[in-house]
Amino acid sequence: MSHEDLSPATRVVALGRQHRMPGAGVNAPLEFSSTYVADGPVNYARGGNPTWSAFEEALGSLEGGDALVFASGMAAVAAAFSLVDHGAVVVAPRSAYSGTVATLLNAERDGRFEVRWVDTADTAATIVALQGADLVWFESPSNPLLEVADLPALAAAARAHDVISVCDNTFATPLVQQPLALGVDVVVHSVTKYLSGHSDLILGATVTGQTERGAALRERLAHHRLLGGAIAGPMETWLALRGLRTLHVRLERATANARELASRLSTHPAVDTVRYPGFGAIVSIEVPGGADGAERVAAATELWTHSTSLGGVESQLERRRRHAAEPTSVPDQLLRLSVGIEDVDDLWADLDRALRG
């Protein structure tokens, strides 16, 4: 049976396993070794590890490409930006993950990149900005404003202008969208979030298409990983693969919860604005009282955890502008809700109580 014939829900369980033979383990091996016997496919662990390979096989299949695992999501981001040279023109969203924005601001300040800041939900304006650019960065939906970009149109325009396109697919996950199939060149993930799903590791990944162009980009990304040394630990990678096994059921439950909460929040008297793109498990809300009002809500919950990050089985909330690196395009009173897999009525009761003060 070809893996391509299997649904994503099956592939997250079936791929990245050992070959079936009598006595073989059901799970992928967890290999702790820094060096290997000569004349094999890998001679030193900075270049490869069987545990990496298992995870990369599974994620690559889900995204429809070839995956590389990195030490963190930011390591994967840095690898993607290494695809263009000093002085490159980068088109990037004004509102995106704060680590990505901070990286671009530093590069802009140091003269490494010229950055053209755009609203990637504005397709026409983004296409204009692509002229003469070298790389374009997408988040769809964006973090934390949950803006959605027209990826097929923008990817096609980027290809027409010979611009490398990169999409951070952390929020949507490959179960919701596969940017490579929409024409994007490189996919980036913070594996820390939904893919691993248990708030217990730091990991990142890139995925490139199975084309001549994709193979060339993958080679450059792998070279960056090899020389830069931002390599994943085998334990973290093994845990991420274990977490990936339940991605489908976790995301299905969390998304159902998020939809229900977004609907209830839309009529709540203590909520001014609800941002929800209709898919995924992130909901952002704006509450009265500015920064202080949002902080009071976040501090008042008992079941929801007031903490940063997202994508775990537990529900979390946070006022994003409490961080200095957060883009100023994010409202002071915005709370990002990472909806988990708990009972939705328990989540609602806790959140409603906090909102009512």
Protein backbone atom coordinates (compact mmCIF):
# COMPACT_ATOMS: atom_id res chain seq x y z
CA MET A 1 0.00 0.00 0.00
CA SER A 2 1.38 3.40 -0.98
CA HIS A 3 1.57 5.95 1.81
CA GLU A 4 0.23 8.55 -0.62
CA ASP A 5 -3.04 6.59 -0.69
CA LEU A 6 -3.47 6.97 3.06
CA SER A 7 -5.30 9.82 4.75
CA PRO A 8 -3.27 12.24 6.90
CA ALA A 9 -4.97 10.82 9.99
CA THR A 10 -3.45 7.45 9.15
CA ARG A 11 -0.07 8.74 8.07
CA VAL A 12 0.60 10.50 11.38
CA VAL A 13 0.32 7.07 12.99
CA ALA A 14 1.87 4.84 10.33
CA LEU A 15 4.98 6.69 9.11
CA GLY A 16 8.38 6.93 10.72
CA ARG A 17 8.26 3.33 11.95
CA GLN A 18 10.83 0.57 11.72
CA HIS A 19 10.54 -1.98 8.93
CA ARG A 20 8.28 -4.83 9.96
CA MET A 21 10.24 -7.98 10.67
CA PRO A 22 10.13 -10.53 13.45
CA GLY A 23 11.38 -8.96 16.66
CA ALA A 24 11.50 -5.40 15.37
CA GLY A 25 10.28 -2.63 17.64
CA VAL A 26 6.99 -0.99 16.76
CA ASN A 27 8.41 2.46 17.45
CA ALA A 28 11.28 4.31 15.80
CA PRO A 29 14.65 3.79 17.48
CA LEU A 30 15.95 6.39 19.92
CA GLU A 31 19.63 6.50 19.09
CA PHE A 32 22.19 8.27 21.26
CA SER A 33 25.42 8.27 19.31
CA SER A 34 27.68 11.11 18.25
CA THR A 35 29.62 9.07 15.70
CA TYR A 36 29.13 6.08 13.41
CA VAL A 37 31.21 3.32 11.90
CA ALA A 38 32.89 4.55 8.71
CA ASP A 39 31.55 4.11 5.18
CA GLY A 40 27.87 4.33 6.09
CA PRO A 41 25.35 7.00 5.05
CA VAL A 42 26.32 9.19 8.04
CA ASN A 43 29.65 9.34 9.83
CA TYR A 44 28.94 12.01 12.46
CA ALA A 45 25.71 12.88 14.26
CA ARG A 46 25.74 16.53 13.19
CA GLY A 47 24.86 15.20 9.76
CA GLY A 48 22.14 12.72 10.61
CA ASN A 49 20.48 10.42 13.11
CA PRO A 50 17.98 7.57 12.64
CA THR A 51 15.58 9.28 15.05
CA TRP A 52 15.69 12.43 12.91
CA SER A 53 15.01 10.38 9.81
CA ALA A 54 11.88 8.82 11.30
CA PHE A 55 10.42 12.19 12.26
CA GLU A 56 11.41 13.77 8.95
CA GLU A 57 9.74 10.95 7.03
CA ALA A 58 6.44 11.46 8.85
CA LEU A 59 6.38 15.27 8.69
CA GLY A 60 7.60 15.32 5.10
CA SER A 61 4.78 13.03 4.04
CA LEU A 62 2.17 15.18 5.79
CA GLU A 63 3.43 18.34 4.07
CA GLY A 64 4.06 16.63 0.73
CA GLY A 65 7.80 17.25 0.68
CA ASP A 66 11.15 16.58 2.33
CA ALA A 67 11.57 17.65 5.95
CA LEU A 68 14.61 18.67 7.98
CA VAL A 69 14.46 18.87 11.76
CA PHE A 70 16.22 21.71 13.62
CA ALA A 71 17.03 22.50 17.24
CA SER A 72 14.19 25.03 17.53
CA GLY A 73 11.60 26.88 15.53
CA MET A 74 13.89 29.91 15.49
CA ALA A 75 16.71 27.74 14.14
CA ALA A 76 14.41 26.76 11.29
CA VAL A 77 13.52 30.43 10.74
CA ALA A 78 17.20 31.36 10.63
CA ALA A 79 17.88 28.55 8.15
CA ALA A 80 15.13 29.83 5.86
CA PHE A 81 16.58 33.35 5.92
CA SER A 82 20.01 31.89 5.09
CA LEU A 83 18.64 31.11 1.62
CA VAL A 84 19.23 34.75 0.58
CA ASP A 85 22.44 36.77 0.63
CA HIS A 86 23.50 39.91 2.44
CA GLY A 87 21.66 42.89 0.98
CA ALA A 88 18.62 40.84 -0.04
CA VAL A 89 15.16 42.36 -0.23
CA VAL A 90 12.70 40.51 2.02
CA VAL A 91 8.93 41.03 1.93
CA ALA A 92 7.45 40.30 5.35
CA PRO A 93 4.17 40.76 7.25
CA ARG A 94 3.95 43.64 9.71
CA SER A 95 2.21 41.33 12.13
CA ALA A 96 3.82 37.94 12.61
CA TYR A 97 5.49 35.82 15.26
CA SER A 98 7.57 38.18 17.38
CA GLY A 99 10.76 36.11 16.99
CA THR A 100 10.53 36.32 13.21
CA VAL A 101 9.81 40.05 13.31
CA ALA A 102 12.70 40.65 15.72
CA THR A 103 15.06 38.69 13.46
CA LEU A 104 14.07 40.84 10.49
CA LEU A 105 14.33 44.08 12.47
CA ASN A 106 17.86 43.12 13.54
CA ALA A 107 18.79 42.25 9.96
CA GLU A 108 17.31 45.54 8.76
CA ARG A 109 19.22 47.52 11.40
CA ASP A 110 22.49 45.77 10.56
CA GLY A 111 22.05 46.34 6.83
CA ARG A 112 21.81 42.63 6.07
CA PHE A 113 18.31 42.85 4.58
CA GLU A 114 16.10 45.51 3.12
CA VAL A 115 12.68 44.63 4.54
CA ARG A 116 9.45 45.63 2.84
CA TRP A 117 6.77 45.42 5.52
CA VAL A 118 3.32 44.59 4.17
CA ASP A 119 -0.07 43.30 5.19
CA THR A 120 0.01 39.89 3.52
CA ALA A 121 -3.78 39.70 3.76
CA ASP A 122 -3.71 42.53 1.17
CA THR A 123 -2.91 40.43 -1.88
CA ALA A 124 -2.54 43.29 -4.36
CA ALA A 125 -0.18 45.30 -2.14
CA THR A 126 1.94 42.25 -1.40
CA ILE A 127 2.28 41.41 -5.10
CA VAL A 128 3.47 44.96 -5.79
CA ALA A 129 6.09 44.58 -3.04
CA LEU A 130 7.41 41.38 -4.65
CA GLN A 131 8.96 43.25 -7.57
CA GLY A 132 12.72 43.12 -7.17
CA ALA A 133 12.50 41.09 -3.95
CA ASP A 134 14.48 37.96 -3.07
CA LEU A 135 12.32 36.28 -0.42
CA VAL A 136 8.76 36.64 0.85
CA TRP A 137 7.57 35.41 4.25
CA PHE A 138 4.02 34.32 4.98
CA GLU A 139 2.14 33.37 8.11
CA SER A 140 -1.38 32.19 7.44
CA PRO A 141 -3.11 32.50 9.79
CA SER A 142 -0.81 35.09 11.34
CA ASN A 143 0.31 35.20 14.95
CA PRO A 144 -1.62 36.57 16.87
CA LEU A 145 -3.99 38.59 14.63
CA LEU A 146 -5.08 35.46 12.71
CA GLU A 147 -5.01 37.15 9.31
CA VAL A 148 -5.28 34.81 6.33
CA ALA A 149 -3.23 35.26 3.15
CA ASP A 150 -4.20 34.13 -0.33
CA LEU A 151 -1.34 31.65 -0.53
CA PRO A 152 -2.00 30.29 -4.05
CA ALA A 153 -2.12 33.78 -5.59
CA LEU A 154 0.87 35.08 -3.64
CA ALA A 155 2.97 31.96 -4.22
CA ALA A 156 2.28 32.14 -7.95
CA ALA A 157 3.26 35.82 -8.00
CA ALA A 158 6.44 35.06 -6.05
CA ARG A 159 7.39 32.32 -8.50
CA ALA A 160 6.72 34.68 -11.43
CA HIS A 161 9.10 37.24 -9.90
CA ASP A 162 11.67 34.52 -9.02
CA VAL A 163 11.20 35.20 -5.30
CA ILE A 164 11.72 32.42 -2.75
CA SER A 165 8.48 31.99 -0.78
CA VAL A 166 8.42 30.73 2.81
CA CYS A 167 5.32 29.96 4.88
CA ASP A 168 5.24 29.42 8.62
CA ASN A 169 2.59 26.69 8.90
CA THR A 170 2.75 26.29 12.67
CA PHE A 171 -0.80 27.50 13.39
CA ALA A 172 -2.61 25.65 10.60
CA THR A 173 -0.51 22.45 10.68
CA PRO A 174 -0.30 20.18 7.60
CA LEU A 175 -3.65 18.66 8.56
CA VAL A 176 -5.36 21.94 7.61
CA GLN A 177 -3.19 23.28 4.79
CA GLN A 178 -0.16 22.13 2.79
CA PRO A 179 1.57 25.29 1.50
CA LEU A 180 3.87 23.33 -0.83
CA ALA A 181 0.82 22.12 -2.76
CA LEU A 182 -0.29 25.75 -3.01
CA GLY A 183 2.99 26.74 -4.66
CA VAL A 184 5.11 27.83 -1.69
CA ASP A 185 8.81 26.90 -1.79
CA VAL A 186 9.63 26.32 1.89
CA VAL A 187 7.46 25.49 4.90
CA VAL A 188 8.65 26.31 8.43
CA HIS A 189 7.33 24.82 11.67
CA SER A 190 7.81 25.40 15.33
CA VAL A 191 7.52 21.70 16.16
CA THR A 192 7.31 22.78 19.80
CA LYS A 193 3.68 23.71 19.21
CA TYR A 194 0.97 21.51 17.66
CA LEU A 195 3.17 18.86 16.05
CA SER A 196 4.62 17.70 19.36
CA GLY A 197 1.64 19.00 21.30
CA HIS A 198 2.63 18.55 24.95
CA SER A 199 4.62 21.67 25.92
CA ASP A 200 7.66 19.59 26.79
CA LEU A 201 10.27 20.23 24.10
CA ILE A 202 11.83 22.82 21.80
CA LEU A 203 12.19 21.84 18.12
CA GLY A 204 11.76 23.22 14.61
CA ALA A 205 11.59 21.98 11.04
CA THR A 206 11.64 23.02 7.40
CA VAL A 207 9.97 21.21 4.51
CA THR A 208 10.74 21.67 0.80
CA GLY A 209 9.06 20.33 -2.31
CA GLN A 210 10.03 17.17 -4.15
CA THR A 211 11.05 19.05 -7.29
CA GLU A 212 14.38 20.15 -8.71
CA ARG A 213 13.89 23.58 -7.13
CA GLY A 214 12.83 22.03 -3.83
CA ALA A 215 15.79 19.64 -3.79
CA ALA A 216 18.19 22.55 -4.33
CA LEU A 217 16.65 24.51 -1.46
CA ARG A 218 16.73 21.47 0.81
CA GLU A 219 20.42 20.96 0.10
CA ARG A 220 21.15 24.55 1.10
CA LEU A 221 19.06 24.23 4.27
CA ALA A 222 20.80 20.98 5.21
CA HIS A 223 24.19 22.62 4.59
CA HIS A 224 23.20 25.48 6.89
CA ARG A 225 22.15 22.99 9.59
CA LEU A 226 25.38 21.03 9.24
CA LEU A 227 27.71 24.02 9.47
CA GLY A 228 25.59 26.14 11.81
CA GLY A 229 25.19 23.30 14.27
CA ALA A 230 21.56 24.03 15.19
CA ILE A 231 20.83 20.32 15.35
CA ALA A 232 18.02 18.57 17.17
CA GLY A 233 18.63 16.27 20.10
CA PRO A 234 17.50 12.67 19.52
CA MET A 235 15.39 12.65 22.71
CA GLU A 236 13.46 15.76 21.70
CA THR A 237 12.95 14.41 18.20
CA TRP A 238 11.70 11.06 19.47
CA LEU A 239 9.25 12.83 21.77
CA ALA A 240 8.06 15.00 18.88
CA LEU A 241 7.40 11.93 16.78
CA ARG A 242 5.46 10.38 19.64
CA GLY A 243 3.44 13.56 19.93
CA LEU A 244 2.81 13.64 16.21
CA ARG A 245 0.99 10.31 16.47
CA THR A 246 -1.98 12.01 18.14
CA LEU A 247 -1.96 15.25 16.14
CA HIS A 248 -5.15 14.41 14.28
CA VAL A 249 -7.26 13.65 17.33
CA ARG A 250 -5.75 16.50 19.37
CA LEU A 251 -6.35 19.06 16.64
CA GLU A 252 -9.83 17.75 15.93
CA ARG A 253 -10.86 18.18 19.57
CA ALA A 254 -9.08 21.51 20.07
CA THR A 255 -10.57 22.93 16.87
CA ALA A 256 -14.09 21.90 17.90
CA ASN A 257 -13.53 23.61 21.25
CA ALA A 258 -12.15 26.74 19.59
CA ARG A 259 -15.12 27.05 17.24
CA GLU A 260 -17.57 26.75 20.09
CA LEU A 261 -15.71 29.24 22.26
CA ALA A 262 -15.35 31.73 19.39
CA SER A 263 -19.13 31.54 18.87
CA ARG A 264 -19.89 32.12 22.54
CA LEU A 265 -17.31 34.90 22.87
CA SER A 266 -18.80 36.75 19.90
CA THR A 267 -21.81 37.72 22.02
CA HIS A 268 -20.05 38.13 25.37
CA PRO A 269 -20.62 41.58 26.93
CA ALA A 270 -17.01 41.77 28.14
CA VAL A 271 -15.45 41.08 24.72
CA ASP A 272 -15.03 43.82 22.13
CA THR A 273 -13.57 41.80 19.25
CA VAL A 274 -13.18 38.12 18.38
CA ARG A 275 -10.62 37.02 15.81
CA TYR A 276 -11.04 33.48 14.49
CA PRO A 277 -10.40 32.41 10.89
CA GLY A 278 -12.82 29.48 11.04
CA PHE A 279 -10.20 26.76 11.40
CA GLY A 280 -7.50 25.78 13.84
CA ALA A 281 -7.43 26.10 17.61
CA ILE A 282 -6.24 29.68 18.19
CA VAL A 283 -8.73 32.43 19.03
CA SER A 284 -7.71 36.03 19.73
CA ILE A 285 -9.97 38.44 21.58
CA GLU A 286 -9.84 42.10 22.55
CA VAL A 287 -11.32 43.14 25.87
CA PRO A 288 -12.23 46.50 27.40
CA GLY A 289 -9.79 48.31 29.67
CA GLY A 290 -6.70 48.24 27.50
CA ALA A 291 -3.57 46.45 28.70
CA ASP A 292 -4.67 46.45 32.35
CA GLY A 293 -8.05 44.94 31.48
CA ALA A 294 -6.45 42.16 29.46
CA GLU A 295 -3.92 41.42 32.20
CA ARG A 296 -6.71 41.19 34.77
CA VAL A 297 -8.54 38.60 32.67
CA ALA A 298 -5.38 36.54 32.11
CA ALA A 299 -4.56 36.57 35.83
CA ALA A 300 -8.09 35.60 36.87
CA THR A 301 -8.41 32.24 35.12
CA GLU A 302 -7.92 29.03 37.06
CA LEU A 303 -8.21 26.30 34.41
CA TRP A 304 -6.65 28.28 31.55
CA THR A 305 -2.92 28.66 32.12
CA HIS A 306 -1.55 32.21 31.89
CA SER A 307 1.63 31.46 29.96
CA THR A 308 3.38 31.98 26.68
CA SER A 309 3.56 29.51 23.78
CA LEU A 310 0.69 27.49 22.37
CA GLY A 311 -0.37 24.23 20.77
CA GLY A 312 -0.30 22.01 23.84
CA VAL A 313 -3.11 19.82 25.11
CA GLU A 314 -3.75 22.37 27.86
CA SER A 315 -5.49 25.69 27.21
CA GLN A 316 -3.32 28.79 27.54
CA LEU A 317 -3.90 32.51 27.26
CA GLU A 318 -1.65 35.53 27.15
CA ARG A 319 -1.62 39.24 26.42
CA ARG A 320 0.95 39.32 23.66
CA ARG A 321 1.94 42.98 23.98
CA ARG A 322 3.40 42.27 27.42
CA HIS A 323 6.51 41.23 25.43
CA ALA A 324 8.77 44.06 24.20
CA ALA A 325 9.43 42.27 20.90
CA GLU A 326 5.75 41.98 19.99
CA PRO A 327 4.89 44.10 16.91
CA THR A 328 3.10 47.35 17.70
CA SER A 329 0.42 46.35 15.19
CA VAL A 330 -0.93 44.01 17.87
CA PRO A 331 -3.47 45.79 20.11
CA ASP A 332 -2.54 46.26 23.78
CA GLN A 333 -5.80 44.65 24.89
CA LEU A 334 -5.51 41.53 22.72
CA LEU A 335 -5.47 38.13 24.41
CA ARG A 336 -4.34 35.10 22.42
CA LEU A 337 -6.15 31.93 23.41
CA SER A 338 -4.56 28.59 22.61
CA VAL A 339 -7.52 26.27 23.03
CA GLY A 340 -6.74 22.84 24.35
CA ILE A 341 -8.59 19.54 24.54
CA GLU A 342 -10.35 19.91 27.88
CA ASP A 343 -14.15 19.84 28.20
CA VAL A 344 -15.41 22.94 26.42
CA ASP A 345 -17.97 23.79 29.08
CA ASP A 346 -15.28 23.79 31.77
CA LEU A 347 -13.13 26.06 29.62
CA TRP A 348 -16.07 28.39 29.04
CA ALA A 349 -17.04 28.58 32.71
CA ASP A 350 -13.49 29.56 33.71
CA LEU A 351 -13.08 32.10 30.91
CA ASP A 352 -16.54 33.60 31.40
CA ARG A 353 -15.87 34.06 35.11
CA ALA A 354 -12.55 35.80 34.40
CA LEU A 355 -14.09 38.07 31.76
CA ARG A 356 -16.90 39.15 34.09
CA GLY A 357 -14.38 39.96 36.79
